[in-house]
């Protein structure tokens, strides 16, 4: 199988210019946030008190976690809950990401 044929199998939509825009599933976002937090399937299973198989089903989009689980997942991984659920960042997350914290910058004169 070639890389091109693999791309054809990805869930996607086309923008106005016909360019491919991959659509990430909830399972994809769960995995990305888990990786960002440096956690593995076993660690997440232990943290939530579920089996590794349950976490694998969430990551593989075979089952959907409860809203309370998504809230704890987002908080534990340090990602925006709205992004985790929908793939779109909340206005608050976008605003916070664009603001530079001045307390960490050296003074300039």
Protein backbone atom coordinates (compact mmCIF):
# COMPACT_ATOMS: atom_id res chain seq x y z
CA UNK A 1 0.00 0.00 0.00
CA UNK A 2 1.41 3.38 -0.96
CA UNK A 3 1.34 6.57 1.11
CA UNK A 4 -1.10 8.09 -1.38
CA UNK A 5 -3.56 5.23 -1.01
CA UNK A 6 -3.29 5.53 2.79
CA UNK A 7 -4.21 9.22 2.54
CA UNK A 8 -7.29 8.31 0.53
CA UNK A 9 -8.53 6.22 3.45
CA UNK A 10 -8.29 9.01 6.07
CA UNK A 11 -11.53 10.64 7.19
CA UNK A 12 -11.44 14.10 5.68
CA UNK A 13 -13.29 16.98 4.17
CA UNK A 14 -12.24 19.29 1.37
CA UNK A 15 -11.94 23.04 1.77
CA UNK A 16 -13.10 25.53 -0.84
CA UNK A 17 -9.92 25.01 -2.87
CA UNK A 18 -10.28 21.24 -2.82
CA UNK A 19 -7.38 20.81 -0.37
CA UNK A 20 -7.65 17.87 2.01
CA UNK A 21 -8.35 18.67 5.64
CA UNK A 22 -8.04 15.62 7.90
CA UNK A 23 -10.81 15.24 10.45
CA UNK A 24 -9.62 13.90 13.78
CA UNK A 25 -12.00 11.68 15.68
CA UNK A 26 -12.56 11.81 19.41
CA UNK A 27 -10.24 8.80 19.73
CA UNK A 28 -7.54 10.68 17.81
CA UNK A 29 -7.85 13.68 20.13
CA UNK A 30 -7.82 11.44 23.22
CA UNK A 31 -4.58 9.86 21.99
CA UNK A 32 -3.00 13.21 21.09
CA UNK A 33 -3.82 14.65 24.51
CA UNK A 34 -2.57 11.50 26.24
CA UNK A 35 0.70 11.69 24.29
CA UNK A 36 1.02 15.40 25.11
CA UNK A 37 0.70 14.57 28.80
CA UNK A 38 3.29 11.80 28.48
CA UNK A 39 0.83 9.14 29.60
CA UNK A 40 0.32 5.62 28.31
CA UNK A 41 -2.76 3.43 28.01
CA UNK A 42 -1.95 1.60 31.25
CA UNK A 43 -1.46 4.84 33.17
CA UNK A 44 -4.76 6.26 31.90
CA UNK A 45 -6.58 3.02 32.73
CA UNK A 46 -5.20 3.12 36.26
CA UNK A 47 -6.06 6.81 36.67
CA UNK A 48 -9.69 6.20 35.64
CA UNK A 49 -10.07 2.86 37.38
CA UNK A 50 -10.90 1.04 34.14
CA UNK A 51 -9.24 -1.71 32.14
CA UNK A 52 -6.66 -1.08 29.45
CA UNK A 53 -9.21 -2.53 27.01
CA UNK A 54 -11.71 0.18 27.95
CA UNK A 55 -9.15 2.92 27.26
CA UNK A 56 -8.24 1.18 23.99
CA UNK A 57 -11.92 1.16 22.99
CA UNK A 58 -12.09 4.92 23.66
CA UNK A 59 -8.93 5.53 21.63
CA UNK A 60 -10.21 3.35 18.79
CA UNK A 61 -13.61 5.10 18.69
CA UNK A 62 -15.38 1.84 19.50
CA UNK A 63 -17.07 3.36 22.57
CA UNK A 64 -17.44 6.94 23.79
CA UNK A 65 -16.42 7.92 27.33
CA UNK A 66 -18.96 9.65 29.57
CA UNK A 67 -18.93 13.46 29.74
CA UNK A 68 -17.46 13.31 33.25
CA UNK A 69 -14.63 11.11 31.96
CA UNK A 70 -13.91 13.56 29.14
CA UNK A 71 -13.82 16.42 31.65
CA UNK A 72 -11.31 14.58 33.86
CA UNK A 73 -9.27 13.49 30.81
CA UNK A 74 -9.02 17.09 29.56
CA UNK A 75 -8.08 18.38 33.00
CA UNK A 76 -5.54 15.62 33.58
CA UNK A 77 -3.90 16.07 30.19
CA UNK A 78 -4.02 19.87 30.25
CA UNK A 79 -6.12 20.29 27.09
CA UNK A 80 -9.27 22.28 26.38
CA UNK A 81 -12.45 20.25 27.02
CA UNK A 82 -14.27 21.72 24.03
CA UNK A 83 -11.33 20.80 21.76
CA UNK A 84 -11.29 17.29 23.17
CA UNK A 85 -15.02 16.85 22.52
CA UNK A 86 -15.38 18.62 19.18
CA UNK A 87 -11.97 19.35 17.69
CA UNK A 88 -12.63 23.10 17.94
CA UNK A 89 -10.93 25.14 20.66
CA UNK A 90 -13.13 27.18 22.95
CA UNK A 91 -12.89 30.98 22.64
CA UNK A 92 -11.39 31.07 26.14
CA UNK A 93 -8.63 28.60 25.19
CA UNK A 94 -7.81 30.61 22.07
CA UNK A 95 -7.67 33.83 24.10
CA UNK A 96 -5.44 32.30 26.76
CA UNK A 97 -3.10 30.83 24.17
CA UNK A 98 -2.62 34.22 22.52
CA UNK A 99 -1.78 36.06 25.76
CA UNK A 100 1.88 36.03 26.73
CA UNK A 101 2.56 35.71 30.44
CA UNK A 102 4.75 38.68 31.30
CA UNK A 103 6.00 37.29 34.60
CA UNK A 104 8.32 34.85 32.85
CA UNK A 105 9.98 37.31 30.48
CA UNK A 106 13.22 39.13 31.32
CA UNK A 107 12.93 42.89 31.65
CA UNK A 108 14.11 44.95 28.72
CA UNK A 109 15.09 48.61 28.67
